[in-house]
Amino acid sequence: LTATNGIVDANTGVSDALITGDNLNLSVTSGSVGTAEQKLLVALTNAARISASASASIYLAETQNSLTIGTVLAGGSAVLYSPYSFIDALNSNQNNIVAGTINLHAEVSVGSDTQAFGVRATSGDGVVIQAGKHVYASTDDGDMVIDTISAVQDVVLRSSHGVVDGVETDAANVTAA
């Protein structure tokens, strides 16, 4: 699905998926996918892969399954939600998401102990990740800039260079049991 000025869900305030089906590719040349007020809601079949690019931001939520991410590229923010997990469709050390800022919320896990999920924030604010169980995240290009990462169980971070505090406060950037 390709658009010039944006891909948005005109049915604000609903929780039903706008797009259902198998593999999905979204591309916006001048604008955003979804909005901060209304994420673009999708219900992809289990193990279906999504890739997206936008010159501005990407706001996306899966309503039924894990989100298997190929590549998500955003000039602004990438804000994604999964009722289960974020899975690396690339199955490699490449970054799955590259954006100015990244905010991921998974009810279960981000990545796995056998395949970390690649993230790279290009602004100084960094990555925000919340997971109900585990976070396995990596970056293959430069420092991993962290705002906050929280998980009920494990947090494992891998970087080709370093892991850097993006908010520079005295508060903990990473919390896990």
Protein backbone atom coordinates (compact mmCIF):
# COMPACT_ATOMS: atom_id res chain seq x y z
CA LEU A 1 0.00 0.00 0.00
CA THR A 2 1.63 3.24 -1.15
CA ALA A 3 0.47 6.78 -0.48
CA THR A 4 1.85 10.26 -0.97
CA ASN A 5 0.45 12.19 2.01
CA GLY A 6 -0.22 9.52 4.62
CA ILE A 7 -2.10 6.35 5.52
CA VAL A 8 -4.60 6.93 8.32
CA ASP A 9 -7.59 5.21 9.90
CA ALA A 10 -10.51 7.60 9.42
CA ASN A 11 -12.60 5.64 11.96
CA THR A 12 -11.22 7.21 15.12
CA GLY A 13 -12.06 5.66 18.45
CA VAL A 14 -12.48 2.10 17.14
CA SER A 15 -10.47 -0.98 18.06
CA ASP A 16 -11.18 -3.11 14.97
CA ALA A 17 -8.35 -3.63 12.52
CA LEU A 18 -8.47 -1.52 9.37
CA ILE A 19 -6.20 -3.91 7.45
CA THR A 20 -6.35 -7.70 7.71
CA GLY A 21 -4.49 -10.40 5.85
CA ASP A 22 -1.02 -11.67 5.09
CA ASN A 23 2.24 -9.83 4.44
CA LEU A 24 1.93 -6.05 4.33
CA ASN A 25 4.17 -3.32 2.92
CA LEU A 26 3.32 0.32 3.69
CA SER A 27 5.06 3.28 2.07
CA VAL A 28 4.38 7.00 2.55
CA THR A 29 6.54 9.48 0.64
CA SER A 30 5.39 12.65 2.43
CA GLY A 31 3.59 12.10 5.73
CA SER A 32 2.86 9.45 8.34
CA VAL A 33 1.39 6.01 8.77
CA GLY A 34 -1.33 6.42 11.42
CA THR A 35 -1.39 9.30 13.87
CA ALA A 36 -0.45 9.81 17.50
CA GLU A 37 -4.17 9.90 18.33
CA GLN A 38 -5.16 6.87 16.18
CA LYS A 39 -2.62 4.18 15.35
CA LEU A 40 -3.18 2.30 12.10
CA LEU A 41 -4.72 -0.98 13.31
CA VAL A 42 -3.79 -4.23 11.55
CA ALA A 43 -4.67 -7.89 12.08
CA LEU A 44 -2.17 -9.97 10.17
CA THR A 45 -2.20 -13.74 10.04
CA ASN A 46 0.22 -15.40 12.40
CA ALA A 47 3.80 -15.12 11.08
CA ALA A 48 2.79 -12.58 8.40
CA ARG A 49 5.47 -9.93 7.95
CA ILE A 50 5.05 -6.15 7.93
CA SER A 51 7.44 -3.54 6.56
CA ALA A 52 6.79 0.20 6.50
CA SER A 53 8.48 3.44 5.55
CA ALA A 54 7.39 7.03 6.08
CA SER A 55 9.09 10.38 5.73
CA ALA A 56 7.43 11.47 8.99
CA SER A 57 6.24 9.02 11.70
CA ILE A 58 4.74 5.54 11.94
CA TYR A 59 2.00 4.72 14.46
CA LEU A 60 0.96 1.09 14.13
CA ALA A 61 -0.80 -1.51 16.29
CA GLU A 62 -1.50 -5.20 15.77
CA THR A 63 -4.86 -6.24 17.23
CA GLN A 64 -4.63 -10.06 17.33
CA ASN A 65 -1.13 -11.54 16.89
CA SER A 66 2.56 -10.90 17.33
CA LEU A 67 4.05 -8.33 14.97
CA THR A 68 6.68 -9.86 12.73
CA ILE A 69 8.71 -6.90 11.49
CA GLY A 70 10.82 -6.80 8.35
CA THR A 71 12.04 -3.21 8.14
CA VAL A 72 10.39 -0.09 9.56
CA LEU A 73 11.97 3.23 8.58
CA ALA A 74 10.61 6.56 9.85
CA GLY A 75 12.02 10.07 9.63
CA GLY A 76 10.23 10.90 12.90
CA SER A 77 8.88 8.50 15.51
CA ALA A 78 8.07 4.80 15.23
CA VAL A 79 5.40 3.90 17.80
CA LEU A 80 4.26 0.27 17.66
CA TYR A 81 2.08 -1.98 19.83
CA SER A 82 1.62 -5.76 19.89
CA PRO A 83 -0.76 -7.76 22.10
CA TYR A 84 1.92 -10.48 22.06
CA SER A 85 5.50 -10.03 20.80
CA PHE A 86 7.73 -8.27 18.29
CA ILE A 87 9.55 -10.81 16.11
CA ASP A 88 12.52 -10.22 13.80
CA ALA A 89 11.44 -11.29 10.29
CA LEU A 90 14.91 -10.55 8.93
CA ASN A 91 16.46 -13.21 11.19
CA SER A 92 19.75 -11.34 11.04
CA ASN A 93 21.79 -8.71 12.88
CA GLN A 94 20.25 -5.91 10.77
CA ASN A 95 18.08 -3.28 12.44
CA ASN A 96 14.35 -3.95 12.15
CA ILE A 97 13.41 -0.38 13.08
CA VAL A 98 15.33 2.80 12.33
CA ALA A 99 13.60 6.04 13.36
CA GLY A 100 14.20 9.34 15.12
CA THR A 101 12.63 7.91 18.27
CA ILE A 102 11.28 4.41 18.87
CA ASN A 103 8.52 3.38 21.28
CA LEU A 104 7.59 -0.31 21.43
CA HIS A 105 4.98 -1.87 23.71
CA ALA A 106 4.61 -5.66 23.74
CA GLU A 107 2.39 -7.52 26.16
CA VAL A 108 4.83 -10.47 26.01
CA SER A 109 8.32 -10.02 24.49
CA VAL A 110 10.50 -8.00 22.15
CA GLY A 111 12.87 -10.31 20.29
CA SER A 112 13.91 -13.69 21.65
CA ASP A 113 16.90 -15.34 23.27
CA THR A 114 17.86 -16.77 19.86
CA GLN A 115 17.17 -13.64 17.75
CA ALA A 116 17.44 -10.11 19.14
CA PHE A 117 15.15 -7.43 17.70
CA GLY A 118 17.15 -4.68 15.93
CA VAL A 119 16.45 -1.04 16.84
CA ARG A 120 18.32 2.19 16.10
CA ALA A 121 17.11 5.61 17.21
CA THR A 122 18.65 8.41 15.17
CA SER A 123 17.82 11.22 17.62
CA GLY A 124 19.27 11.78 21.06
CA ASP A 125 16.05 10.72 22.82
CA GLY A 126 16.51 7.05 22.06
CA VAL A 127 14.43 3.91 22.47
CA VAL A 128 11.51 3.23 24.81
CA ILE A 129 10.53 -0.43 25.18
CA GLN A 130 7.96 -1.97 27.51
CA ALA A 131 7.45 -5.73 27.59
CA GLY A 132 5.41 -8.05 29.79
CA LYS A 133 8.19 -10.66 29.93
CA HIS A 134 11.47 -10.26 27.99
CA VAL A 135 13.41 -7.73 25.92
CA TYR A 136 16.18 -8.90 23.60
CA ALA A 137 17.27 -5.86 21.59
CA SER A 138 20.30 -5.03 19.48
CA THR A 139 21.68 -2.38 17.16
CA ASP A 140 24.09 -3.06 14.33
CA ASP A 141 25.07 0.52 13.57
CA GLY A 142 26.58 2.73 16.25
CA ASP A 143 25.48 3.20 19.83
CA MET A 144 22.15 1.97 21.17
CA VAL A 145 20.60 5.12 22.66
CA ILE A 146 18.19 4.26 25.50
CA ASP A 147 15.42 6.34 27.01
CA THR A 148 13.79 3.58 29.10
CA ILE A 149 13.46 -0.17 28.77
CA SER A 150 11.36 -2.21 31.17
CA ALA A 151 10.44 -5.88 31.33
CA VAL A 152 9.05 -8.15 34.01
CA GLN A 153 11.81 -10.71 33.41
CA ASP A 154 14.97 -10.42 31.27
CA VAL A 155 16.49 -7.46 29.42
CA VAL A 156 19.43 -8.29 27.13
CA LEU A 157 20.95 -5.50 25.03
CA ARG A 158 23.60 -5.88 22.31
CA SER A 159 25.34 -3.07 20.44
CA SER A 160 28.12 -2.88 17.89
CA HIS A 161 29.50 0.10 19.86
CA GLY A 162 27.91 1.00 23.21
CA VAL A 163 24.69 1.45 25.14
CA VAL A 164 24.10 5.14 25.88
CA ASP A 165 21.73 7.03 28.21
CA GLY A 166 19.53 9.14 25.94
CA VAL A 167 17.79 11.12 28.69
CA GLU A 168 20.75 11.76 31.02
CA THR A 169 18.87 11.72 34.31
CA ASP A 170 19.57 9.93 37.58
CA ALA A 171 16.59 7.61 36.99
CA ALA A 172 17.19 4.02 35.90
CA ASN A 173 17.07 3.54 32.13
CA VAL A 174 16.64 -0.24 32.27
CA THR A 175 14.47 -2.13 34.76
CA ALA A 176 13.84 -5.87 34.96
CA ALA A 177 13.24 -8.48 37.63
